Amino acid sequence: MKLERYHLAMRAWTIGLIGLLALTAVGCQGKEAVKSEFDTGLKELKKIDEKVGTGREVAVGDTAYVLYRGTLLKNGSQFDANMDDPTAGPPLSFTAGPTGNVIKGWQDGIVGMKEGGRRILEIPYAHGYGAAGNGEKIPPNADLKFELELLYVLKESERGVYDVSDQKVGTGAEVKEGDTVTIEYKGTYLSGKVFDDSRERGEPLVFKVEDTPEAMPGLIVGIQGMKVGGKRTLVIPPDLAFGLAGTESVQGNQPIKIEIDLIKVNGKS
């Protein structure tokens, strides 16, 4: 199975970043440092790579999509996670570097990871929630541990890049722009959560391969070149999928995966 990467010229869409992660650290200015039993003495961010990925590498300014688990470093008490049941929802996204929308330990700790990698971050409280803590589960001055799995990296220069992999090359008619196609498909977030499945609905999708305001750009270009009987997987960035707004059933600003079985082209199988 060969992975191909393509770049699609972008429409003039305005796409912003959704703040999905309420991990904004509460400043500790004006608070006297109080020794806490949850302060392990950690002074600097510690990064431990359990698995080095092979995909794109996170740089400052990139958007990272991750699975994570957060625990107190002192005793292992878990306070948050989406890793326990990845298929329950979309992955979490945030911007690497000093953007202010996540704690500093995450801002710095994600940089250098590659897609497919797993990393442990041990974060001193000064780079976490400081003297204030966060709610009932994160005490003041608590050092933290996060396990991260990096699913996808979105770079500003690659907002029009989509990935294609063919599991099976068909032998029938080939899809061209302007054709009408019939497909069975499954759409998922990169966490694995399914948001649509034509087989479950018992209704294949029939559409014309043309660029219209209603069409998903990544699907329109990504299906071209397939042959009847073929199976193809597309990984589509947000700008070529559902954009910032999303839909009633799909969260915005999420890359998606679409698995396609091509059944017919212009009514012929």
C-alpha atoms as a PDB file:
ATOM      1  CA  MET A   1       0.000   0.000   0.000  1.00  0.00           C
ATOM      2  CA  LYS A   2       1.568   3.274  -1.150  1.00  0.00           C
ATOM      3  CA  LEU A   3       0.838   6.625   0.424  1.00  0.00           C
ATOM      4  CA  GLU A   4       0.721   9.597  -1.921  1.00  0.00           C
ATOM      5  CA  ARG A   5       0.539  13.227  -0.850  1.00  0.00           C
ATOM      6  CA  TYR A   6      -1.132  15.876  -3.001  1.00  0.00           C
ATOM      7  CA  HIS A   7      -1.567  19.637  -2.791  1.00  0.00           C
ATOM      8  CA  LEU A   8      -4.811  21.307  -3.840  1.00  0.00           C
ATOM      9  CA  ALA A   9      -4.884  25.017  -4.606  1.00  0.00           C
ATOM     10  CA  MET A  10      -6.968  26.614  -1.895  1.00  0.00           C
ATOM     11  CA  ARG A  11     -10.213  28.480  -2.210  1.00  0.00           C
ATOM     12  CA  ALA A  12     -10.324  31.891  -0.590  1.00  0.00           C
ATOM     13  CA  TRP A  13     -11.827  30.567   2.634  1.00  0.00           C
ATOM     14  CA  THR A  14     -11.190  32.131   6.013  1.00  0.00           C
ATOM     15  CA  ILE A  15     -10.238  29.351   8.396  1.00  0.00           C
ATOM     16  CA  GLY A  16      -9.441  29.934  12.041  1.00  0.00           C
ATOM     17  CA  LEU A  17      -8.403  27.776  14.946  1.00  0.00           C
ATOM     18  CA  ILE A  18     -11.018  26.450  17.325  1.00  0.00           C
ATOM     19  CA  GLY A  19      -9.922  26.574  20.943  1.00  0.00           C
ATOM     20  CA  LEU A  20     -10.703  23.013  21.984  1.00  0.00           C
ATOM     21  CA  LEU A  21      -8.486  22.734  25.011  1.00  0.00           C
ATOM     22  CA  ALA A  22      -9.335  24.583  28.223  1.00  0.00           C
ATOM     23  CA  LEU A  23      -5.838  24.174  29.598  1.00  0.00           C
ATOM     24  CA  THR A  24      -5.012  27.837  29.971  1.00  0.00           C
ATOM     25  CA  ALA A  25      -2.736  28.130  32.971  1.00  0.00           C
ATOM     26  CA  VAL A  26      -3.781  30.449  35.735  1.00  0.00           C
ATOM     27  CA  GLY A  27      -0.984  32.892  36.452  1.00  0.00           C
ATOM     28  CA  CYS A  28       0.544  32.702  39.868  1.00  0.00           C
ATOM     29  CA  GLN A  29       1.726  36.275  40.123  1.00  0.00           C
ATOM     30  CA  GLY A  30       0.849  37.767  43.452  1.00  0.00           C
ATOM     31  CA  LYS A  31       0.527  34.361  45.130  1.00  0.00           C
ATOM     32  CA  GLU A  32       3.063  33.253  47.663  1.00  0.00           C
ATOM     33  CA  ALA A  33       4.615  29.905  46.764  1.00  0.00           C
ATOM     34  CA  VAL A  34       3.370  27.250  49.162  1.00  0.00           C
ATOM     35  CA  LYS A  35       5.110  23.912  49.477  1.00  0.00           C
ATOM     36  CA  SER A  36       2.757  21.198  48.302  1.00  0.00           C
ATOM     37  CA  GLU A  37       2.871  17.450  48.754  1.00  0.00           C
ATOM     38  CA  PHE A  38       2.301  17.265  44.992  1.00  0.00           C
ATOM     39  CA  ASP A  39       5.499  19.215  44.261  1.00  0.00           C
ATOM     40  CA  THR A  40       8.008  16.487  43.387  1.00  0.00           C
ATOM     41  CA  GLY A  41      10.921  18.875  43.079  1.00  0.00           C
ATOM     42  CA  LEU A  42      10.862  18.795  39.275  1.00  0.00           C
ATOM     43  CA  LYS A  43      12.419  22.012  37.962  1.00  0.00           C
ATOM     44  CA  GLU A  44      12.430  21.594  34.181  1.00  0.00           C
ATOM     45  CA  LEU A  45      10.170  20.057  31.541  1.00  0.00           C
ATOM     46  CA  LYS A  46      11.130  16.450  30.881  1.00  0.00           C
ATOM     47  CA  LYS A  47      10.350  14.777  27.535  1.00  0.00           C
ATOM     48  CA  ILE A  48      10.506  10.995  27.167  1.00  0.00           C
ATOM     49  CA  ASP A  49       9.801   9.455  23.758  1.00  0.00           C
ATOM     50  CA  GLU A  50       8.200   6.026  24.096  1.00  0.00           C
ATOM     51  CA  LYS A  51       7.868   5.777  20.317  1.00  0.00           C
ATOM     52  CA  VAL A  52       9.396   8.062  17.693  1.00  0.00           C
ATOM     53  CA  GLY A  53       6.973   8.731  14.875  1.00  0.00           C
ATOM     54  CA  THR A  54       7.757   8.668  11.167  1.00  0.00           C
ATOM     55  CA  GLY A  55       5.420  11.377   9.875  1.00  0.00           C
ATOM     56  CA  ARG A  56       5.512  15.166   9.832  1.00  0.00           C
ATOM     57  CA  GLU A  57       7.334  16.886  12.682  1.00  0.00           C
ATOM     58  CA  VAL A  58       5.728  19.522  14.889  1.00  0.00           C
ATOM     59  CA  ALA A  59       7.264  23.007  14.722  1.00  0.00           C
ATOM     60  CA  VAL A  60       6.215  26.185  16.508  1.00  0.00           C
ATOM     61  CA  GLY A  61       2.998  27.466  14.948  1.00  0.00           C
ATOM     62  CA  ASP A  62       1.779  24.070  13.732  1.00  0.00           C
ATOM     63  CA  THR A  63      -1.550  22.648  14.867  1.00  0.00           C
ATOM     64  CA  ALA A  64      -1.197  19.265  16.567  1.00  0.00           C
ATOM     65  CA  TYR A  65      -3.983  16.698  16.901  1.00  0.00           C
ATOM     66  CA  VAL A  66      -3.450  14.354  19.839  1.00  0.00           C
ATOM     67  CA  LEU A  67      -4.742  11.735  22.167  1.00  0.00           C
ATOM     68  CA  TYR A  68      -3.673  12.362  25.755  1.00  0.00           C
ATOM     69  CA  ARG A  69      -3.856  11.245  29.375  1.00  0.00           C
ATOM     70  CA  GLY A  70      -3.077  13.552  32.293  1.00  0.00           C
ATOM     71  CA  THR A  71      -2.084  12.410  35.772  1.00  0.00           C
ATOM     72  CA  LEU A  72      -0.487  13.884  38.876  1.00  0.00           C
ATOM     73  CA  LEU A  73       3.214  13.077  38.770  1.00  0.00           C
ATOM     74  CA  LYS A  74       3.315  12.454  42.515  1.00  0.00           C
ATOM     75  CA  ASN A  75       0.757   9.655  42.788  1.00  0.00           C
ATOM     76  CA  GLY A  76      -0.522   8.846  39.285  1.00  0.00           C
ATOM     77  CA  SER A  77      -4.041  10.133  39.967  1.00  0.00           C
ATOM     78  CA  GLN A  78      -5.712  10.717  36.597  1.00  0.00           C
ATOM     79  CA  PHE A  79      -7.506  14.034  36.077  1.00  0.00           C
ATOM     80  CA  ASP A  80      -8.251  14.074  32.343  1.00  0.00           C
ATOM     81  CA  ALA A  81      -7.951  11.946  29.184  1.00  0.00           C
ATOM     82  CA  ASN A  82      -9.318  11.246  25.741  1.00  0.00           C
ATOM     83  CA  MET A  83      -6.931   8.323  25.267  1.00  0.00           C
ATOM     84  CA  ASP A  84      -8.968   5.889  27.359  1.00  0.00           C
ATOM     85  CA  ASP A  85     -11.686   5.699  24.676  1.00  0.00           C
ATOM     86  CA  PRO A  86     -10.359   7.368  21.508  1.00  0.00           C
ATOM     87  CA  THR A  87     -13.435   6.518  19.456  1.00  0.00           C
ATOM     88  CA  ALA A  88     -15.675   8.517  21.798  1.00  0.00           C
ATOM     89  CA  GLY A  89     -14.844  11.780  20.060  1.00  0.00           C
ATOM     90  CA  PRO A  90     -12.423  13.714  17.863  1.00  0.00           C
ATOM     91  CA  PRO A  91      -8.782  14.220  18.846  1.00  0.00           C
ATOM     92  CA  LEU A  92      -7.757  17.340  20.715  1.00  0.00           C
ATOM     93  CA  SER A  93      -6.104  20.127  18.727  1.00  0.00           C
ATOM     94  CA  PHE A  94      -3.852  22.968  19.846  1.00  0.00           C
ATOM     95  CA  THR A  95      -1.110  25.165  18.459  1.00  0.00           C
ATOM     96  CA  ALA A  96       2.514  24.419  19.315  1.00  0.00           C
ATOM     97  CA  GLY A  97       4.531  27.251  20.787  1.00  0.00           C
ATOM     98  CA  PRO A  98       3.763  30.324  22.889  1.00  0.00           C
ATOM     99  CA  THR A  99       0.177  30.930  21.824  1.00  0.00           C
ATOM    100  CA  GLY A 100      -1.318  31.018  25.302  1.00  0.00           C
ATOM    101  CA  ASN A 101      -4.146  28.555  24.616  1.00  0.00           C
ATOM    102  CA  VAL A 102      -2.513  25.641  26.458  1.00  0.00           C
ATOM    103  CA  ILE A 103      -0.183  25.299  29.412  1.00  0.00           C
ATOM    104  CA  LYS A 104       3.490  26.004  28.752  1.00  0.00           C
ATOM    105  CA  GLY A 105       4.449  22.370  29.288  1.00  0.00           C
ATOM    106  CA  TRP A 106       2.300  21.455  26.281  1.00  0.00           C
ATOM    107  CA  GLN A 107       3.392  24.432  24.191  1.00  0.00           C
ATOM    108  CA  ASP A 108       7.029  23.401  24.508  1.00  0.00           C
ATOM    109  CA  GLY A 109       6.629  19.671  24.969  1.00  0.00           C
ATOM    110  CA  ILE A 110       4.930  18.883  21.660  1.00  0.00           C
ATOM    111  CA  VAL A 111       7.618  20.553  19.513  1.00  0.00           C
ATOM    112  CA  GLY A 112       9.794  17.999  17.731  1.00  0.00           C
ATOM    113  CA  MET A 113       7.281  15.138  17.922  1.00  0.00           C
ATOM    114  CA  LYS A 114       6.474  13.330  14.689  1.00  0.00           C
ATOM    115  CA  GLU A 115       3.141  11.892  13.574  1.00  0.00           C
ATOM    116  CA  GLY A 116       2.669   8.403  14.952  1.00  0.00           C
ATOM    117  CA  GLY A 117       4.860   9.107  17.964  1.00  0.00           C
ATOM    118  CA  ARG A 118       4.115   8.687  21.665  1.00  0.00           C
ATOM    119  CA  ARG A 119       5.713  10.979  24.240  1.00  0.00           C
ATOM    120  CA  ILE A 120       5.568  11.415  27.998  1.00  0.00           C
ATOM    121  CA  LEU A 121       5.810  14.932  29.393  1.00  0.00           C
ATOM    122  CA  GLU A 122       6.736  15.481  33.030  1.00  0.00           C
ATOM    123  CA  ILE A 123       5.799  19.073  33.740  1.00  0.00           C
ATOM    124  CA  PRO A 124       6.847  21.166  36.762  1.00  0.00           C
ATOM    125  CA  TYR A 125       3.965  23.049  38.303  1.00  0.00           C
ATOM    126  CA  ALA A 126       5.385  26.397  37.127  1.00  0.00           C
ATOM    127  CA  HIS A 127       4.804  25.212  33.537  1.00  0.00           C
ATOM    128  CA  GLY A 128       1.412  23.749  34.415  1.00  0.00           C
ATOM    129  CA  TYR A 129      -1.263  25.304  36.606  1.00  0.00           C
ATOM    130  CA  GLY A 130       1.068  26.972  39.081  1.00  0.00           C
ATOM    131  CA  ALA A 131       0.056  27.984  42.587  1.00  0.00           C
ATOM    132  CA  ALA A 132      -3.616  28.157  41.640  1.00  0.00           C
ATOM    133  CA  GLY A 133      -4.086  24.565  40.530  1.00  0.00           C
ATOM    134  CA  ASN A 134      -7.153  23.765  38.447  1.00  0.00           C
ATOM    135  CA  GLY A 135     -10.429  22.604  39.947  1.00  0.00           C
ATOM    136  CA  GLU A 136     -10.680  19.775  42.432  1.00  0.00           C
ATOM    137  CA  LYS A 137      -8.433  17.312  40.619  1.00  0.00           C
ATOM    138  CA  ILE A 138      -5.280  19.413  40.167  1.00  0.00           C
ATOM    139  CA  PRO A 139      -4.041  20.805  43.500  1.00  0.00           C
ATOM    140  CA  PRO A 140      -1.897  23.936  43.817  1.00  0.00           C
ATOM    141  CA  ASN A 141       1.799  23.492  42.981  1.00  0.00           C
ATOM    142  CA  ALA A 142       1.191  20.049  41.456  1.00  0.00           C
ATOM    143  CA  ASP A 143       3.725  18.603  39.020  1.00  0.00           C
ATOM    144  CA  LEU A 144       2.008  16.820  36.152  1.00  0.00           C
ATOM    145  CA  LYS A 145       2.514  13.919  33.785  1.00  0.00           C
ATOM    146  CA  PHE A 146       0.955  13.731  30.339  1.00  0.00           C
ATOM    147  CA  GLU A 147       1.031  10.879  27.851  1.00  0.00           C
ATOM    148  CA  LEU A 148       0.603  12.135  24.275  1.00  0.00           C
ATOM    149  CA  GLU A 149       0.005  10.307  21.020  1.00  0.00           C
ATOM    150  CA  LEU A 150       0.414  12.536  17.968  1.00  0.00           C
ATOM    151  CA  LEU A 151      -2.096  11.682  15.250  1.00  0.00           C
ATOM    152  CA  TYR A 152      -1.708  14.558  12.782  1.00  0.00           C
ATOM    153  CA  VAL A 153       0.251  17.742  12.184  1.00  0.00           C
ATOM    154  CA  LEU A 154      -1.303  20.620  10.257  1.00  0.00           C
ATOM    155  CA  LYS A 155       1.199  23.119   8.890  1.00  0.00           C
ATOM    156  CA  GLU A 156       0.098  26.490   7.529  1.00  0.00           C
ATOM    157  CA  SER A 157       1.919  25.745   4.282  1.00  0.00           C
ATOM    158  CA  GLU A 158       0.075  22.429   3.877  1.00  0.00           C
ATOM    159  CA  ARG A 159      -3.553  23.404   4.423  1.00  0.00           C
ATOM    160  CA  GLY A 160      -4.246  22.235   0.875  1.00  0.00           C
ATOM    161  CA  VAL A 161      -2.365  18.927   1.178  1.00  0.00           C
ATOM    162  CA  TYR A 162      -4.284  15.658   1.308  1.00  0.00           C
ATOM    163  CA  ASP A 163      -3.057  12.061   1.534  1.00  0.00           C
ATOM    164  CA  VAL A 164      -4.131   9.185  -0.710  1.00  0.00           C
ATOM    165  CA  SER A 165      -3.515   5.479  -0.186  1.00  0.00           C
ATOM    166  CA  ASP A 166      -4.949   2.724  -2.372  1.00  0.00           C
ATOM    167  CA  GLN A 167      -5.731  -0.543  -0.613  1.00  0.00           C
ATOM    168  CA  LYS A 168      -6.946  -2.056  -3.877  1.00  0.00           C
ATOM    169  CA  VAL A 169      -6.658  -0.763  -7.446  1.00  0.00           C
ATOM    170  CA  GLY A 170      -9.820  -1.415  -9.411  1.00  0.00           C
ATOM    171  CA  THR A 171     -10.052  -2.739 -12.967  1.00  0.00           C
ATOM    172  CA  GLY A 172     -13.170  -0.937 -14.190  1.00  0.00           C
ATOM    173  CA  ALA A 173     -13.914   2.538 -15.480  1.00  0.00           C
ATOM    174  CA  GLU A 174     -11.726   5.377 -14.152  1.00  0.00           C
ATOM    175  CA  VAL A 175     -13.203   8.437 -12.441  1.00  0.00           C
ATOM    176  CA  LYS A 176     -12.757  11.749 -14.203  1.00  0.00           C
ATOM    177  CA  GLU A 177     -14.040  15.228 -13.426  1.00  0.00           C
ATOM    178  CA  GLY A 178     -17.675  15.504 -14.467  1.00  0.00           C
ATOM    179  CA  ASP A 179     -18.475  11.809 -13.943  1.00  0.00           C
ATOM    180  CA  THR A 180     -21.288  10.617 -11.689  1.00  0.00           C
ATOM    181  CA  VAL A 181     -20.046   8.064  -9.185  1.00  0.00           C
ATOM    182  CA  THR A 182     -21.597   5.639  -6.730  1.00  0.00           C
ATOM    183  CA  ILE A 183     -19.568   4.835  -3.634  1.00  0.00           C
ATOM    184  CA  GLU A 184     -19.784   3.113  -0.303  1.00  0.00           C
ATOM    185  CA  TYR A 185     -17.788   5.010   2.306  1.00  0.00           C
ATOM    186  CA  LYS A 186     -16.966   5.448   5.956  1.00  0.00           C
ATOM    187  CA  GLY A 187     -15.965   8.803   7.444  1.00  0.00           C
ATOM    188  CA  THR A 188     -14.020   9.011  10.698  1.00  0.00           C
ATOM    189  CA  TYR A 189     -12.034  11.431  12.780  1.00  0.00           C
ATOM    190  CA  LEU A 190      -8.369  10.479  13.085  1.00  0.00           C
ATOM    191  CA  SER A 191      -9.160   9.166  16.570  1.00  0.00           C
ATOM    192  CA  GLY A 192     -11.243   6.463  14.904  1.00  0.00           C
ATOM    193  CA  LYS A 193     -14.662   7.805  15.857  1.00  0.00           C
ATOM    194  CA  VAL A 194     -17.094   7.191  12.992  1.00  0.00           C
ATOM    195  CA  PHE A 195     -19.289  10.126  11.997  1.00  0.00           C
ATOM    196  CA  ASP A 196     -20.858   8.582   8.890  1.00  0.00           C
ATOM    197  CA  ASP A 197     -21.062   5.145   7.295  1.00  0.00           C
ATOM    198  CA  SER A 198     -23.073   4.529   4.140  1.00  0.00           C
ATOM    199  CA  ARG A 199     -23.292   0.786   4.776  1.00  0.00           C
ATOM    200  CA  GLU A 200     -24.791   1.318   8.201  1.00  0.00           C
ATOM    201  CA  ARG A 201     -27.346   3.627   6.644  1.00  0.00           C
ATOM    202  CA  GLY A 202     -27.951   1.116   3.840  1.00  0.00           C
ATOM    203  CA  GLU A 203     -27.591   3.851   1.251  1.00  0.00           C
ATOM    204  CA  PRO A 204     -24.587   4.342  -1.054  1.00  0.00           C
ATOM    205  CA  LEU A 205     -23.628   7.887  -1.985  1.00  0.00           C
ATOM    206  CA  VAL A 206     -24.197   9.071  -5.556  1.00  0.00           C
ATOM    207  CA  PHE A 207     -22.693  12.399  -6.617  1.00  0.00           C
ATOM    208  CA  LYS A 208     -21.197  14.249  -9.534  1.00  0.00           C
ATOM    209  CA  VAL A 209     -17.458  14.822  -9.478  1.00  0.00           C
ATOM    210  CA  GLU A 210     -17.420  18.576  -9.885  1.00  0.00           C
ATOM    211  CA  ASP A 211     -16.276  21.568  -7.887  1.00  0.00           C
ATOM    212  CA  THR A 212     -19.347  23.263  -6.438  1.00  0.00           C
ATOM    213  CA  PRO A 213     -19.807  25.326  -3.253  1.00  0.00           C
ATOM    214  CA  GLU A 214     -21.594  22.375  -1.645  1.00  0.00           C
ATOM    215  CA  ALA A 215     -18.935  19.787  -2.550  1.00  0.00           C
ATOM    216  CA  MET A 216     -16.126  18.660  -0.261  1.00  0.00           C
ATOM    217  CA  PRO A 217     -12.965  19.663  -2.179  1.00  0.00           C
ATOM    218  CA  GLY A 218     -10.820  16.859  -0.772  1.00  0.00           C
ATOM    219  CA  LEU A 219     -13.318  14.202  -1.858  1.00  0.00           C
ATOM    220  CA  ILE A 220     -13.844  15.683  -5.327  1.00  0.00           C
ATOM    221  CA  VAL A 221     -10.133  15.711  -6.170  1.00  0.00           C
ATOM    222  CA  GLY A 222      -9.234  12.653  -4.107  1.00  0.00           C
ATOM    223  CA  ILE A 223     -11.593  10.258  -5.873  1.00  0.00           C
ATOM    224  CA  GLN A 224     -10.352  11.138  -9.355  1.00  0.00           C
ATOM    225  CA  GLY A 225      -8.181   8.428 -10.857  1.00  0.00           C
ATOM    226  CA  MET A 226      -9.913   5.621  -8.955  1.00  0.00           C
ATOM    227  CA  LYS A 227     -11.246   2.683 -10.960  1.00  0.00           C
ATOM    228  CA  VAL A 228     -14.421   0.722 -10.317  1.00  0.00           C
ATOM    229  CA  GLY A 229     -13.729  -2.060  -7.812  1.00  0.00           C
ATOM    230  CA  GLY A 230     -11.011  -0.047  -6.114  1.00  0.00           C
ATOM    231  CA  LYS A 231     -10.627   0.786  -2.429  1.00  0.00           C
ATOM    232  CA  ARG A 232      -9.004   4.070  -1.413  1.00  0.00           C
ATOM    233  CA  THR A 233      -8.415   5.987   1.807  1.00  0.00           C
ATOM    234  CA  LEU A 234      -8.209   9.777   1.888  1.00  0.00           C
ATOM    235  CA  VAL A 235      -6.879  11.801   4.807  1.00  0.00           C
ATOM    236  CA  ILE A 236      -8.209  15.308   4.276  1.00  0.00           C
ATOM    237  CA  PRO A 237      -7.197  18.473   6.181  1.00  0.00           C
ATOM    238  CA  PRO A 238      -9.920  20.703   7.633  1.00  0.00           C
ATOM    239  CA  ASP A 239      -9.774  23.297   4.855  1.00  0.00           C
ATOM    240  CA  LEU A 240     -10.591  20.626   2.260  1.00  0.00           C
ATOM    241  CA  ALA A 241     -13.205  18.914   4.428  1.00  0.00           C
ATOM    242  CA  PHE A 242     -15.726  20.739   6.648  1.00  0.00           C
ATOM    243  CA  GLY A 243     -13.684  23.864   7.382  1.00  0.00           C
ATOM    244  CA  LEU A 244     -13.894  25.765  10.634  1.00  0.00           C
ATOM    245  CA  ALA A 245     -17.659  25.569  11.032  1.00  0.00           C
ATOM    246  CA  GLY A 246     -18.106  21.821  10.637  1.00  0.00           C
ATOM    247  CA  THR A 247     -21.610  20.400  10.340  1.00  0.00           C
ATOM    248  CA  GLU A 248     -24.306  19.188  12.714  1.00  0.00           C
ATOM    249  CA  SER A 249     -22.543  15.824  12.917  1.00  0.00           C
ATOM    250  CA  VAL A 250     -18.885  16.726  12.332  1.00  0.00           C
ATOM    251  CA  GLN A 251     -16.819  19.037  14.510  1.00  0.00           C
ATOM    252  CA  GLY A 252     -15.117  21.893  12.695  1.00  0.00           C
ATOM    253  CA  ASN A 253     -11.356  22.317  12.236  1.00  0.00           C
ATOM    254  CA  GLN A 254     -10.788  18.559  12.179  1.00  0.00           C
ATOM    255  CA  PRO A 255      -8.872  16.498   9.611  1.00  0.00           C
ATOM    256  CA  ILE A 256     -10.893  13.469   8.569  1.00  0.00           C
ATOM    257  CA  LYS A 257     -10.359  10.052   7.027  1.00  0.00           C
ATOM    258  CA  ILE A 258     -12.660   8.704   4.327  1.00  0.00           C
ATOM    259  CA  GLU A 259     -12.525   5.061   3.243  1.00  0.00           C
ATOM    260  CA  ILE A 260     -14.019   4.646  -0.236  1.00  0.00           C
ATOM    261  CA  ASP A 261     -15.233   1.632  -2.225  1.00  0.00           C
ATOM    262  CA  LEU A 262     -15.965   2.691  -5.811  1.00  0.00           C
ATOM    263  CA  ILE A 263     -19.075   0.863  -7.049  1.00  0.00           C
ATOM    264  CA  LYS A 264     -20.078   2.595 -10.280  1.00  0.00           C
ATOM    265  CA  VAL A 265     -19.002   5.325 -12.684  1.00  0.00           C
ATOM    266  CA  ASN A 266     -21.797   6.876 -14.765  1.00  0.00           C
ATOM    267  CA  GLY A 267     -24.107   4.031 -13.747  1.00  0.00           C
ATOM    268  CA  LYS A 268     -21.753   1.265 -14.872  1.00  0.00           C
ATOM    269  CA  SER A 269     -20.093  -1.162 -12.493  1.00  0.00           C
END
